[in-house]
């Protein structure tokens, strides 16, 4: 078996019982890595929440933003099959 954790399990030179110290160092390293991952997940989650909140405020303040977003996502192709009496998406025809 190979791995970086194995080097932590070897007794340190000059100390008769370095195994306990090495195990403690390994435990601290694993905890530090877990803490770093948890912090990363927390920061990413907060950034996502802030982005969602900002988008919600923008949509609330400007209803035309919904139409802009819809138009930006449209691939330019109209449906090939439509039901009778149905409307054509994205085309708003004003009635005289």
N, C-alpha and C. Protein backbone atom coordinates (compact mmCIF):
# COMPACT_ATOMS: atom_id res chain seq x y z
N UNK A 1 0.85 -1.18 0.00
CA UNK A 1 0.00 0.00 0.00
C UNK A 1 0.88 1.23 0.00
N UNK A 2 0.44 2.21 -0.75
CA UNK A 2 1.17 3.48 -0.75
C UNK A 2 0.18 4.59 -0.48
N UNK A 3 0.66 5.66 0.09
CA UNK A 3 -0.18 6.81 0.37
C UNK A 3 0.52 7.74 1.31
N UNK A 4 0.12 8.99 1.28
CA UNK A 4 0.79 9.98 2.12
C UNK A 4 0.52 9.74 3.60
N UNK A 5 -0.58 9.10 3.93
CA UNK A 5 -0.87 8.86 5.34
C UNK A 5 0.10 7.86 5.96
N UNK A 6 0.67 6.98 5.13
CA UNK A 6 1.60 6.00 5.66
C UNK A 6 2.86 6.64 6.22
N UNK A 7 3.29 7.73 5.61
CA UNK A 7 4.49 8.40 6.11
C UNK A 7 4.24 8.97 7.49
N UNK A 8 3.00 9.33 7.79
CA UNK A 8 2.69 9.86 9.11
C UNK A 8 2.70 8.76 10.18
N UNK A 9 2.55 7.52 9.77
CA UNK A 9 2.49 6.43 10.74
C UNK A 9 3.86 5.88 11.12
N UNK A 10 4.88 6.26 10.41
CA UNK A 10 6.23 5.79 10.73
C UNK A 10 6.76 6.54 11.96
N UNK A 11 7.41 5.84 12.87
CA UNK A 11 7.95 6.54 14.04
C UNK A 11 9.01 7.55 13.63
N UNK A 12 9.00 8.66 14.29
CA UNK A 12 9.99 9.69 14.01
C UNK A 12 11.34 9.28 14.58
N UNK A 13 12.39 9.70 13.90
CA UNK A 13 13.74 9.35 14.34
C UNK A 13 14.04 10.03 15.68
N UNK A 14 14.65 9.30 16.59
CA UNK A 14 15.06 9.87 17.87
C UNK A 14 14.00 9.83 18.93
N UNK A 15 12.83 9.38 18.63
CA UNK A 15 11.78 9.28 19.64
C UNK A 15 11.28 7.84 19.68
N UNK A 16 11.23 7.27 20.84
CA UNK A 16 10.82 5.87 20.92
C UNK A 16 9.35 5.66 20.59
N UNK A 17 8.47 6.57 20.95
CA UNK A 17 7.03 6.38 20.70
C UNK A 17 6.49 7.52 19.84
N UNK A 18 7.00 7.64 18.66
CA UNK A 18 6.54 8.70 17.76
C UNK A 18 5.20 8.38 17.11
N UNK A 19 4.75 7.14 17.29
CA UNK A 19 3.51 6.73 16.63
C UNK A 19 2.31 7.57 17.09
N UNK A 20 2.21 7.84 18.38
CA UNK A 20 1.10 8.63 18.89
C UNK A 20 1.12 10.04 18.32
N UNK A 21 2.32 10.63 18.27
CA UNK A 21 2.45 11.97 17.70
C UNK A 21 2.08 11.96 16.22
N UNK A 22 2.51 10.92 15.53
CA UNK A 22 2.22 10.82 14.11
C UNK A 22 0.73 10.64 13.86
N UNK A 23 0.08 9.84 14.69
CA UNK A 23 -1.36 9.65 14.54
C UNK A 23 -2.11 10.95 14.83
N UNK A 24 -1.63 11.69 15.82
CA UNK A 24 -2.25 12.98 16.12
C UNK A 24 -2.05 13.95 14.96
N UNK A 25 -0.87 13.94 14.37
CA UNK A 25 -0.60 14.81 13.22
C UNK A 25 -1.49 14.42 12.05
N UNK A 26 -1.67 13.12 11.84
CA UNK A 26 -2.56 12.66 10.77
C UNK A 26 -3.98 13.10 11.03
N UNK A 27 -4.45 12.94 12.26
CA UNK A 27 -5.81 13.36 12.62
C UNK A 27 -5.99 14.85 12.40
N UNK A 28 -4.98 15.64 12.78
CA UNK A 28 -5.05 17.09 12.58
C UNK A 28 -5.08 17.44 11.09
N UNK A 29 -4.31 16.72 10.29
CA UNK A 29 -4.29 16.98 8.85
C UNK A 29 -5.64 16.64 8.22
N UNK A 30 -6.22 15.52 8.63
CA UNK A 30 -7.53 15.12 8.10
C UNK A 30 -8.60 16.13 8.51
N UNK A 31 -8.54 16.58 9.76
CA UNK A 31 -9.51 17.58 10.24
C UNK A 31 -9.34 18.89 9.50
N UNK A 32 -8.11 19.30 9.26
CA UNK A 32 -7.86 20.55 8.53
C UNK A 32 -8.40 20.46 7.11
N UNK A 33 -8.21 19.31 6.48
CA UNK A 33 -8.74 19.13 5.12
C UNK A 33 -10.27 19.16 5.12
N UNK A 34 -10.88 18.52 6.08
CA UNK A 34 -12.34 18.52 6.19
C UNK A 34 -12.86 19.94 6.46
N UNK A 35 -12.18 20.67 7.33
CA UNK A 35 -12.58 22.05 7.61
C UNK A 35 -12.47 22.92 6.37
N UNK A 36 -11.40 22.73 5.59
CA UNK A 36 -11.22 23.51 4.37
C UNK A 36 -12.32 23.20 3.37
N UNK A 37 -12.68 21.93 3.25
CA UNK A 37 -13.76 21.55 2.33
C UNK A 37 -15.09 22.14 2.79
N UNK A 38 -15.36 22.06 4.08
CA UNK A 38 -16.60 22.62 4.62
C UNK A 38 -16.67 24.12 4.38
N UNK A 39 -15.56 24.82 4.55
CA UNK A 39 -15.52 26.26 4.31
C UNK A 39 -15.78 26.56 2.83
N UNK A 40 -15.18 25.76 1.95
CA UNK A 40 -15.38 25.95 0.51
C UNK A 40 -16.85 25.78 0.15
N UNK A 41 -17.48 24.73 0.66
CA UNK A 41 -18.89 24.47 0.39
C UNK A 41 -19.76 25.62 0.92
N UNK A 42 -19.43 26.10 2.10
CA UNK A 42 -20.19 27.20 2.71
C UNK A 42 -20.08 28.47 1.86
N UNK A 43 -18.88 28.82 1.44
CA UNK A 43 -18.67 30.03 0.65
C UNK A 43 -19.37 29.92 -0.70
N UNK A 44 -19.26 28.76 -1.35
CA UNK A 44 -19.94 28.57 -2.63
C UNK A 44 -21.45 28.67 -2.46
N UNK A 45 -21.98 28.09 -1.40
CA UNK A 45 -23.42 28.16 -1.13
C UNK A 45 -23.89 29.59 -0.90
N UNK A 46 -23.10 30.34 -0.14
CA UNK A 46 -23.46 31.74 0.12
C UNK A 46 -23.41 32.56 -1.17
N UNK A 47 -22.43 32.30 -2.02
CA UNK A 47 -22.32 33.02 -3.29
C UNK A 47 -23.51 32.69 -4.19
N UNK A 48 -23.91 31.43 -4.22
CA UNK A 48 -25.06 31.04 -5.02
C UNK A 48 -26.33 31.69 -4.48
N UNK A 49 -26.49 31.69 -3.18
CA UNK A 49 -27.67 32.32 -2.57
C UNK A 49 -27.71 33.81 -2.88
N UNK A 50 -26.56 34.48 -2.81
CA UNK A 50 -26.51 35.90 -3.14
C UNK A 50 -26.89 36.15 -4.59
N UNK A 51 -26.42 35.29 -5.49
CA UNK A 51 -26.75 35.44 -6.91
C UNK A 51 -28.24 35.23 -7.15
N UNK A 52 -28.82 34.25 -6.50
CA UNK A 52 -30.26 34.00 -6.64
C UNK A 52 -31.05 35.17 -6.08
N UNK A 53 -30.63 35.68 -4.94
CA UNK A 53 -31.31 36.82 -4.33
C UNK A 53 -31.24 38.04 -5.24
N UNK A 54 -30.07 38.32 -5.81
CA UNK A 54 -29.91 39.47 -6.70
C UNK A 54 -30.77 39.32 -7.95
N UNK A 55 -30.82 38.11 -8.50
CA UNK A 55 -31.66 37.88 -9.69
C UNK A 55 -33.14 38.07 -9.35
N UNK A 56 -33.54 37.59 -8.18
CA UNK A 56 -34.94 37.78 -7.75
C UNK A 56 -35.29 39.24 -7.62
N UNK A 57 -34.39 40.02 -7.03
CA UNK A 57 -34.64 41.46 -6.91
C UNK A 57 -34.71 42.13 -8.27
N UNK A 58 -33.84 41.72 -9.19
CA UNK A 58 -33.85 42.30 -10.53
C UNK A 58 -35.14 41.95 -11.25
N UNK A 59 -35.63 40.74 -11.10
CA UNK A 59 -36.89 40.35 -11.73
C UNK A 59 -38.07 41.11 -11.12
N UNK A 60 -38.02 41.31 -9.82
CA UNK A 60 -39.10 42.03 -9.16
C UNK A 60 -39.13 43.49 -9.60
N UNK A 61 -37.96 44.09 -9.75
CA UNK A 61 -37.89 45.50 -10.10
C UNK A 61 -38.11 45.76 -11.58
N UNK A 62 -37.92 44.77 -12.43
CA UNK A 62 -38.07 44.97 -13.87
C UNK A 62 -38.71 43.74 -14.51
N UNK A 63 -40.03 43.75 -14.66
CA UNK A 63 -40.72 42.61 -15.25
C UNK A 63 -40.28 42.33 -16.69
N UNK A 64 -39.75 43.33 -17.38
CA UNK A 64 -39.30 43.12 -18.75
C UNK A 64 -38.06 42.24 -18.80
N UNK A 65 -37.39 42.09 -17.68
CA UNK A 65 -36.21 41.23 -17.63
C UNK A 65 -36.59 39.78 -17.92
N UNK A 66 -37.79 39.38 -17.55
CA UNK A 66 -38.26 38.03 -17.83
C UNK A 66 -38.34 37.83 -19.34
N UNK A 67 -38.91 38.79 -20.05
CA UNK A 67 -38.99 38.70 -21.51
C UNK A 67 -37.60 38.69 -22.13
N UNK A 68 -36.69 39.50 -21.61
CA UNK A 68 -35.33 39.53 -22.13
C UNK A 68 -34.64 38.18 -21.94
N UNK A 69 -34.78 37.61 -20.76
CA UNK A 69 -34.18 36.31 -20.47
C UNK A 69 -34.77 35.24 -21.38
N UNK A 70 -36.06 35.27 -21.60
CA UNK A 70 -36.71 34.30 -22.48
C UNK A 70 -36.19 34.45 -23.91
N UNK A 71 -36.07 35.67 -24.37
CA UNK A 71 -35.58 35.92 -25.73
C UNK A 71 -34.12 35.48 -25.87
N UNK A 72 -33.32 35.67 -24.83
CA UNK A 72 -31.91 35.28 -24.89
C UNK A 72 -31.74 33.76 -24.97
N UNK A 73 -32.65 33.04 -24.34
CA UNK A 73 -32.56 31.58 -24.33
C UNK A 73 -33.19 30.93 -25.56
N UNK A 74 -33.97 31.67 -26.32
CA UNK A 74 -34.67 31.11 -27.47
C UNK A 74 -33.69 30.76 -28.56
N UNK A 75 -33.85 29.60 -29.17
CA UNK A 75 -32.94 29.16 -30.22
C UNK A 75 -33.33 29.66 -31.60
N UNK A 76 -34.42 30.41 -31.72
CA UNK A 76 -34.83 31.00 -32.99
C UNK A 76 -35.72 30.13 -33.84
N UNK A 77 -36.05 28.95 -33.37
CA UNK A 77 -36.88 28.03 -34.14
C UNK A 77 -38.28 28.00 -33.55
N UNK A 78 -39.27 28.26 -34.42
CA UNK A 78 -40.66 28.18 -33.98
C UNK A 78 -41.10 26.73 -33.96
N UNK A 79 -42.12 26.41 -33.18
CA UNK A 79 -42.60 25.03 -33.14
C UNK A 79 -43.09 24.58 -34.52
N UNK A 80 -42.88 23.32 -34.85
CA UNK A 80 -43.34 22.81 -36.14
C UNK A 80 -44.78 22.33 -36.07
N UNK A 81 -45.26 22.04 -34.88
CA UNK A 81 -46.64 21.60 -34.69
C UNK A 81 -47.29 22.51 -33.66
N UNK A 82 -48.48 23.03 -34.05
CA UNK A 82 -49.21 23.89 -33.11
C UNK A 82 -50.66 23.45 -33.09
N UNK A 83 -51.29 23.59 -31.96
CA UNK A 83 -52.70 23.27 -31.82
C UNK A 83 -53.54 24.38 -32.42
N UNK A 84 -54.70 24.05 -32.99
CA UNK A 84 -55.58 25.10 -33.53
C UNK A 84 -56.00 26.06 -32.42
N UNK A 85 -55.93 27.31 -32.72
CA UNK A 85 -56.31 28.33 -31.74
C UNK A 85 -55.21 28.64 -30.75
N UNK A 86 -54.07 27.96 -30.86
CA UNK A 86 -52.96 28.19 -29.96
C UNK A 86 -52.18 29.43 -30.38
N UNK A 87 -51.41 29.95 -29.50
CA UNK A 87 -50.63 31.14 -29.81
C UNK A 87 -49.22 30.76 -30.23
N UNK A 88 -48.59 31.65 -30.99
CA UNK A 88 -47.21 31.44 -31.39
C UNK A 88 -46.34 32.03 -30.29
N UNK A 89 -45.44 31.25 -29.72
CA UNK A 89 -44.63 31.76 -28.64
C UNK A 89 -43.78 32.96 -29.06
N UNK A 90 -43.62 33.87 -28.16
CA UNK A 90 -42.74 35.05 -28.31
C UNK A 90 -43.26 36.09 -29.28
N UNK A 91 -44.31 35.81 -30.01
CA UNK A 91 -44.83 36.80 -30.94
C UNK A 91 -46.09 37.40 -30.33
N UNK A 92 -46.00 38.66 -29.98
CA UNK A 92 -47.14 39.34 -29.42
C UNK A 92 -47.68 40.31 -30.45
N UNK A 93 -48.86 40.00 -30.93
CA UNK A 93 -49.47 40.83 -31.96
C UNK A 93 -50.52 41.70 -31.29
N UNK A 94 -50.38 42.99 -31.48
CA UNK A 94 -51.35 43.91 -30.88
C UNK A 94 -52.61 43.90 -31.70
N UNK A 95 -53.75 43.87 -31.01
CA UNK A 95 -55.06 43.88 -31.68
C UNK A 95 -55.46 45.33 -31.95
N UNK A 96 -55.96 45.61 -33.14
CA UNK A 96 -56.34 47.01 -33.47
C UNK A 96 -57.56 47.47 -32.71
